[in-house]
Amino acid sequence: MNSVELSAAQAAKLEPFLLMAKSARGAGAAKLIENATSAPGVFVFSELLDTPSIQDLSNTPQHAPHFALLELFAYKTYADYAQNKEAFPPLNPAQLTKLRYLSIVSLSTRQRILSYSTLLAALDIGSVRELEDLIIDANYLDVLRGRLDQKQSQLEVEYTIGRDVPPSDVQRLLDDLKSWSQTTASVLSALDDKLASLTAESARAAEEKGAHEEAYASALKEALERSRNERDRDRMGLGNIMGERGGRRIGGMARPDDSMDVDDDMAGPRMRKKAGDAMRTRMTKRNRF
């Protein structure tokens, strides 16, 4: 059950007492306070405390202790009761247990880790076993959520219900809320400034990136064109060299009689050699006669 559901459930349990308070007077209103402070699941009392018929009790000496009792359960603790028991009507076991639950809630607003020794003294409990049972019951009732650390002898509080705010603390609470609001506004303003700075920086970075990419593309294009032009010049130069070496090549193509000229040039010496050999053979044969 979340905090909203808990608040709704508590309001629903208080509603019958609010309806009865509209017509209750004197002793009837005092009895209504006893019933409300004893009722299971009723842990907030400010609406009942503000009811006109209940407020009237504070002006009657006979019923003023009951009005003080309702104030005790609304925003005070077991220690306040123990210090001045004569100012209140006698409490029954259900009221004492509920007041101890509410006292743990008040203590946890100042300190989230509560030692057993602190709780035993504040709640006037004689044994650790009784204290642990009280805390476990408070967990089941959703008055608080926490973990009992028996090794360290302490209660680690994670969540508690809210309690009523005493009139004397209203101005302090308003001041705290105002201070919190100003701090929050200052933080939000700083975040807005930082966000604006980051946005401007991002825009500059994007602009610089665009300019860099444009310069890179331009340089790449120029390099490609320069490389292509150099290849074209190299091919033209190679063609000219081949034309010069070919001698009688026309436009890079050999003439039909080129090969024949080469063959004739190469055949001349061979033919002259064969003719000389034949002449020497005939002269040798004549000499034999």
Protein backbone atom coordinates (compact mmCIF):
# COMPACT_ATOMS: atom_id res chain seq x y z
CA MET A 1 0.00 0.00 0.00
CA ASN A 2 1.49 3.34 -1.03
CA SER A 3 1.36 6.61 0.93
CA VAL A 4 -1.69 7.92 -0.95
CA GLU A 5 -3.64 4.75 -0.25
CA LEU A 6 -2.60 4.84 3.40
CA SER A 7 -3.77 8.43 3.77
CA ALA A 8 -7.10 7.57 2.17
CA ALA A 9 -7.53 4.55 4.46
CA GLN A 10 -6.76 6.59 7.57
CA ALA A 11 -9.19 9.31 6.53
CA ALA A 12 -11.90 6.71 5.99
CA LYS A 13 -11.39 5.30 9.49
CA LEU A 14 -11.60 8.76 11.04
CA GLU A 15 -14.74 9.74 9.12
CA PRO A 16 -17.29 8.11 11.50
CA PHE A 17 -15.86 10.04 14.44
CA LEU A 18 -16.05 13.30 12.48
CA LEU A 19 -19.73 12.70 11.77
CA MET A 20 -20.51 11.96 15.42
CA ALA A 21 -18.53 15.00 16.59
CA LYS A 22 -20.96 17.33 14.79
CA SER A 23 -23.68 16.54 17.31
CA ALA A 24 -21.64 15.48 20.37
CA ARG A 25 -21.42 17.84 23.32
CA GLY A 26 -19.77 17.77 26.76
CA ALA A 27 -19.40 14.24 28.13
CA GLY A 28 -20.44 12.78 24.77
CA ALA A 29 -17.61 14.61 23.02
CA ALA A 30 -15.16 13.51 25.73
CA LYS A 31 -16.22 9.88 25.25
CA LEU A 32 -15.83 10.28 21.51
CA ILE A 33 -12.18 11.29 22.07
CA GLU A 34 -11.56 8.17 24.17
CA ASN A 35 -13.04 5.97 21.45
CA ALA A 36 -11.11 7.65 18.63
CA THR A 37 -7.77 7.39 20.42
CA SER A 38 -8.42 3.71 21.15
CA ALA A 39 -9.75 2.74 17.69
CA PRO A 40 -7.50 0.51 15.53
CA GLY A 41 -6.09 2.19 12.43
CA VAL A 42 -6.86 5.78 13.47
CA PHE A 43 -3.56 7.66 13.66
CA VAL A 44 -4.40 11.23 12.56
CA PHE A 45 -6.61 13.51 14.62
CA SER A 46 -6.26 17.11 13.40
CA GLU A 47 -9.67 17.21 11.69
CA LEU A 48 -11.35 15.92 14.82
CA LEU A 49 -9.36 18.37 16.91
CA ASP A 50 -10.61 21.30 14.79
CA THR A 51 -14.27 20.36 15.21
CA PRO A 52 -16.13 23.12 17.16
CA SER A 53 -17.71 20.72 19.65
CA ILE A 54 -14.28 19.29 20.47
CA GLN A 55 -12.72 22.75 20.74
CA ASP A 56 -15.37 23.67 23.30
CA LEU A 57 -13.98 21.01 25.67
CA SER A 58 -10.79 23.02 26.15
CA ASN A 59 -12.84 25.73 27.88
CA THR A 60 -14.46 23.35 30.37
CA PRO A 61 -12.31 22.31 33.36
CA GLN A 62 -14.22 19.04 33.64
CA HIS A 63 -13.43 17.97 30.06
CA ALA A 64 -10.18 19.85 29.40
CA PRO A 65 -8.11 16.70 30.17
CA HIS A 66 -9.84 14.92 27.27
CA PHE A 67 -9.01 17.79 24.93
CA ALA A 68 -5.38 17.52 26.14
CA LEU A 69 -5.58 13.76 25.48
CA LEU A 70 -6.55 14.37 21.86
CA GLU A 71 -3.67 16.84 21.47
CA LEU A 72 -1.34 14.21 22.95
CA PHE A 73 -2.30 11.69 20.27
CA ALA A 74 -2.30 14.29 17.51
CA TYR A 75 1.30 15.49 17.79
CA LYS A 76 2.95 14.62 21.11
CA THR A 77 4.81 11.55 22.40
CA TYR A 78 4.85 8.99 25.19
CA ALA A 79 7.52 11.04 26.95
CA ASP A 80 5.11 14.00 27.16
CA TYR A 81 2.52 11.72 28.74
CA ALA A 82 5.01 10.18 31.19
CA GLN A 83 6.18 13.60 32.39
CA ASN A 84 2.64 14.80 33.21
CA LYS A 85 0.27 11.86 33.56
CA GLU A 86 -2.03 13.83 35.88
CA ALA A 87 -2.97 16.17 33.04
CA PHE A 88 -4.64 13.34 31.11
CA PRO A 89 -7.34 10.78 31.74
CA PRO A 90 -6.04 7.27 32.50
CA LEU A 91 -5.00 5.43 29.33
CA ASN A 92 -6.11 1.91 28.50
CA PRO A 93 -3.68 -0.66 26.96
CA ALA A 94 -4.83 0.08 23.38
CA GLN A 95 -4.17 3.79 23.90
CA LEU A 96 -0.74 3.17 25.42
CA THR A 97 0.27 0.93 22.51
CA LYS A 98 -0.94 3.44 19.91
CA LEU A 99 0.87 6.28 21.67
CA ARG A 100 4.08 4.25 21.56
CA TYR A 101 3.62 3.64 17.81
CA LEU A 102 3.19 7.36 17.23
CA SER A 103 6.21 8.15 19.42
CA ILE A 104 8.43 5.94 17.22
CA VAL A 105 7.16 7.88 14.20
CA SER A 106 8.10 11.18 15.84
CA LEU A 107 11.54 9.91 16.86
CA SER A 108 12.26 8.69 13.32
CA THR A 109 11.71 12.16 11.88
CA ARG A 110 14.87 13.26 13.65
CA GLN A 111 16.91 10.10 13.26
CA ARG A 112 16.39 7.18 10.88
CA ILE A 113 18.48 4.73 12.88
CA LEU A 114 17.17 4.33 16.41
CA SER A 115 19.07 2.30 18.98
CA TYR A 116 17.22 -0.10 21.24
CA SER A 117 18.45 1.80 24.27
CA THR A 118 16.92 5.05 22.96
CA LEU A 119 13.59 3.37 22.22
CA LEU A 120 13.44 1.50 25.53
CA ALA A 121 13.90 4.76 27.44
CA ALA A 122 11.57 6.86 25.29
CA LEU A 123 8.74 4.32 25.32
CA ASP A 124 9.19 3.14 28.92
CA ILE A 125 9.49 -0.51 27.88
CA GLY A 126 11.23 -3.00 30.15
CA SER A 127 12.56 -5.63 27.72
CA VAL A 128 14.01 -5.92 24.22
CA ARG A 129 11.53 -8.70 23.39
CA GLU A 130 8.58 -6.42 24.19
CA LEU A 131 10.15 -3.62 22.12
CA GLU A 132 10.71 -5.87 19.09
CA ASP A 133 7.13 -7.17 19.30
CA LEU A 134 5.86 -3.57 19.34
CA ILE A 135 7.92 -2.67 16.26
CA ILE A 136 6.81 -5.79 14.38
CA ASP A 137 3.15 -4.96 15.10
CA ALA A 138 3.72 -1.39 13.88
CA ASN A 139 5.11 -2.82 10.63
CA TYR A 140 2.04 -4.98 10.11
CA LEU A 141 -0.23 -1.96 10.67
CA ASP A 142 1.77 0.10 8.11
CA VAL A 143 2.57 2.67 10.78
CA LEU A 144 6.20 2.30 9.78
CA ARG A 145 8.46 0.14 7.67
CA GLY A 146 11.90 -0.75 8.86
CA ARG A 147 14.43 -3.44 9.67
CA LEU A 148 15.36 -4.77 13.06
CA ASP A 149 19.12 -5.19 13.35
CA GLN A 150 19.44 -7.46 16.37
CA LYS A 151 23.21 -7.70 16.01
CA GLN A 152 23.60 -3.93 16.27
CA SER A 153 20.56 -3.58 18.58
CA GLN A 154 18.90 -0.92 16.46
CA LEU A 155 15.90 -0.15 14.26
CA GLU A 156 16.57 1.11 10.73
CA VAL A 157 13.46 3.08 9.68
CA GLU A 158 12.60 3.22 5.96
CA TYR A 159 9.14 4.80 6.02
CA THR A 160 6.55 6.10 8.49
CA ILE A 161 3.08 7.56 8.32
CA GLY A 162 2.71 11.31 8.73
CA ARG A 163 1.62 12.87 11.99
CA ASP A 164 -0.40 16.00 12.64
CA VAL A 165 1.51 19.28 12.91
CA PRO A 166 1.15 21.26 16.16
CA PRO A 167 0.04 24.89 15.73
CA SER A 168 3.33 26.12 17.17
CA ASP A 169 5.23 24.38 14.35
CA VAL A 170 3.10 25.63 11.47
CA GLN A 171 5.10 28.82 10.93
CA ARG A 172 8.39 26.93 11.15
CA LEU A 173 7.10 24.43 8.63
CA LEU A 174 6.02 27.23 6.30
CA ASP A 175 9.45 28.82 6.61
CA ASP A 176 11.10 25.49 5.82
CA LEU A 177 8.87 25.05 2.78
CA LYS A 178 9.64 28.58 1.63
CA SER A 179 13.37 27.96 2.01
CA TRP A 180 13.05 24.67 0.14
CA SER A 181 11.09 26.43 -2.61
CA GLN A 182 13.77 29.10 -2.99
CA THR A 183 16.52 26.50 -3.06
CA THR A 184 14.63 24.51 -5.66
CA ALA A 185 14.08 27.62 -7.79
CA SER A 186 17.79 28.43 -7.57
CA VAL A 187 18.75 24.91 -8.59
CA LEU A 188 16.28 24.95 -11.49
CA SER A 189 17.63 28.32 -12.65
CA ALA A 190 21.18 26.97 -12.56
CA LEU A 191 20.06 23.90 -14.50
CA ASP A 192 18.35 26.12 -17.10
CA ASP A 193 21.54 28.16 -17.52
CA LYS A 194 23.60 25.01 -17.86
CA LEU A 195 21.15 23.58 -20.38
CA ALA A 196 21.27 26.78 -22.43
CA SER A 197 25.07 26.69 -22.35
CA LEU A 198 25.13 23.06 -23.45
CA THR A 199 22.65 23.80 -26.23
CA ALA A 200 24.78 26.68 -27.52
CA GLU A 201 27.92 24.58 -27.28
CA SER A 202 26.21 21.75 -29.15
CA ALA A 203 25.13 24.16 -31.89
CA ARG A 204 28.70 25.47 -32.22
CA ALA A 205 30.06 21.95 -32.36
CA ALA A 206 27.54 21.02 -35.06
CA GLU A 207 28.48 24.11 -37.07
CA GLU A 208 32.19 23.36 -36.77
CA LYS A 209 31.58 19.74 -37.75
CA GLY A 210 29.61 20.85 -40.82
CA ALA A 211 32.38 23.24 -41.86
CA HIS A 212 35.00 20.54 -41.34
CA GLU A 213 33.05 18.01 -43.39
CA GLU A 214 32.55 20.56 -46.17
CA ALA A 215 36.28 21.39 -46.23
CA TYR A 216 37.13 17.69 -46.20
CA ALA A 217 34.78 16.97 -49.11
CA SER A 218 36.25 19.88 -51.10
CA ALA A 219 39.83 18.75 -50.44
CA LEU A 220 38.95 15.17 -51.36
CA LYS A 221 37.36 16.31 -54.62
CA GLU A 222 40.43 18.39 -55.53
CA ALA A 223 42.75 15.48 -54.72
CA LEU A 224 40.72 13.09 -56.88
CA GLU A 225 40.69 15.53 -59.81
CA ARG A 226 44.44 16.11 -59.46
CA SER A 227 45.11 12.37 -59.38
CA ARG A 228 42.92 11.80 -62.45
CA ASN A 229 44.71 14.57 -64.37
CA GLU A 230 48.11 13.12 -63.48
CA ARG A 231 47.07 9.66 -64.74
CA ASP A 232 45.85 11.19 -67.99
CA ARG A 233 49.18 13.00 -68.47
CA ASP A 234 51.12 9.81 -67.72
CA ARG A 235 49.15 7.85 -70.33
CA MET A 236 49.73 10.57 -72.96
CA GLY A 237 53.47 10.65 -72.22
CA LEU A 238 53.75 6.85 -72.51
CA GLY A 239 52.02 6.95 -75.89
CA ASN A 240 54.50 9.52 -77.21
CA ILE A 241 57.48 7.45 -76.04
CA MET A 242 56.17 4.31 -77.76
CA GLY A 243 55.65 6.30 -80.96
CA GLU A 244 59.26 7.54 -80.97
CA ARG A 245 60.67 4.03 -80.38
CA GLY A 246 58.59 2.55 -83.22
CA GLY A 247 60.38 4.71 -85.82
CA ARG A 248 58.03 4.24 -88.70
CA ARG A 249 54.99 3.64 -86.61
CA ILE A 250 52.11 5.80 -87.62
CA GLY A 251 49.83 6.90 -84.81
CA GLY A 252 51.13 4.05 -82.68
CA MET A 253 50.41 1.35 -85.38
CA ALA A 254 53.27 -0.45 -87.26
CA ARG A 255 53.42 -0.30 -91.12
CA PRO A 256 52.99 -3.62 -92.99
CA ASP A 257 56.56 -3.63 -94.40
CA ASP A 258 58.24 -3.07 -91.00
CA SER A 259 58.65 -6.76 -90.27
CA MET A 260 59.89 -7.46 -93.73
CA ASP A 261 62.63 -4.83 -93.42
CA VAL A 262 63.77 -6.37 -90.21
CA ASP A 263 63.85 -9.84 -91.76
CA ASP A 264 65.84 -8.62 -94.73
CA ASP A 265 68.37 -6.95 -92.53
CA MET A 266 68.78 -10.06 -90.41
CA ALA A 267 68.90 -12.46 -93.43
CA GLY A 268 71.74 -10.63 -95.28
CA PRO A 269 74.65 -11.85 -93.18
CA ARG A 270 73.40 -15.42 -93.14
CA MET A 271 73.14 -15.55 -96.94
CA ARG A 272 76.66 -14.14 -97.40
CA LYS A 273 78.05 -16.70 -94.94
CA LYS A 274 76.50 -19.61 -96.82
CA ALA A 275 77.86 -18.40 -100.19
CA GLY A 276 81.40 -18.12 -98.78
CA ASP A 277 81.25 -21.63 -97.36
CA ALA A 278 80.15 -23.10 -100.70
CA MET A 279 83.03 -21.35 -102.57
CA ARG A 280 85.64 -22.70 -100.16
CA THR A 281 84.32 -26.23 -100.61
CA ARG A 282 84.67 -26.09 -104.41
CA MET A 283 88.22 -24.74 -104.23
CA THR A 284 89.21 -27.58 -101.91
CA LYS A 285 87.90 -30.18 -104.30
CA ARG A 286 89.92 -28.69 -107.23
CA ASN A 287 93.14 -28.78 -105.27
CA ARG A 288 92.80 -32.55 -104.79
CA PHE A 289 93.36 -33.09 -108.52
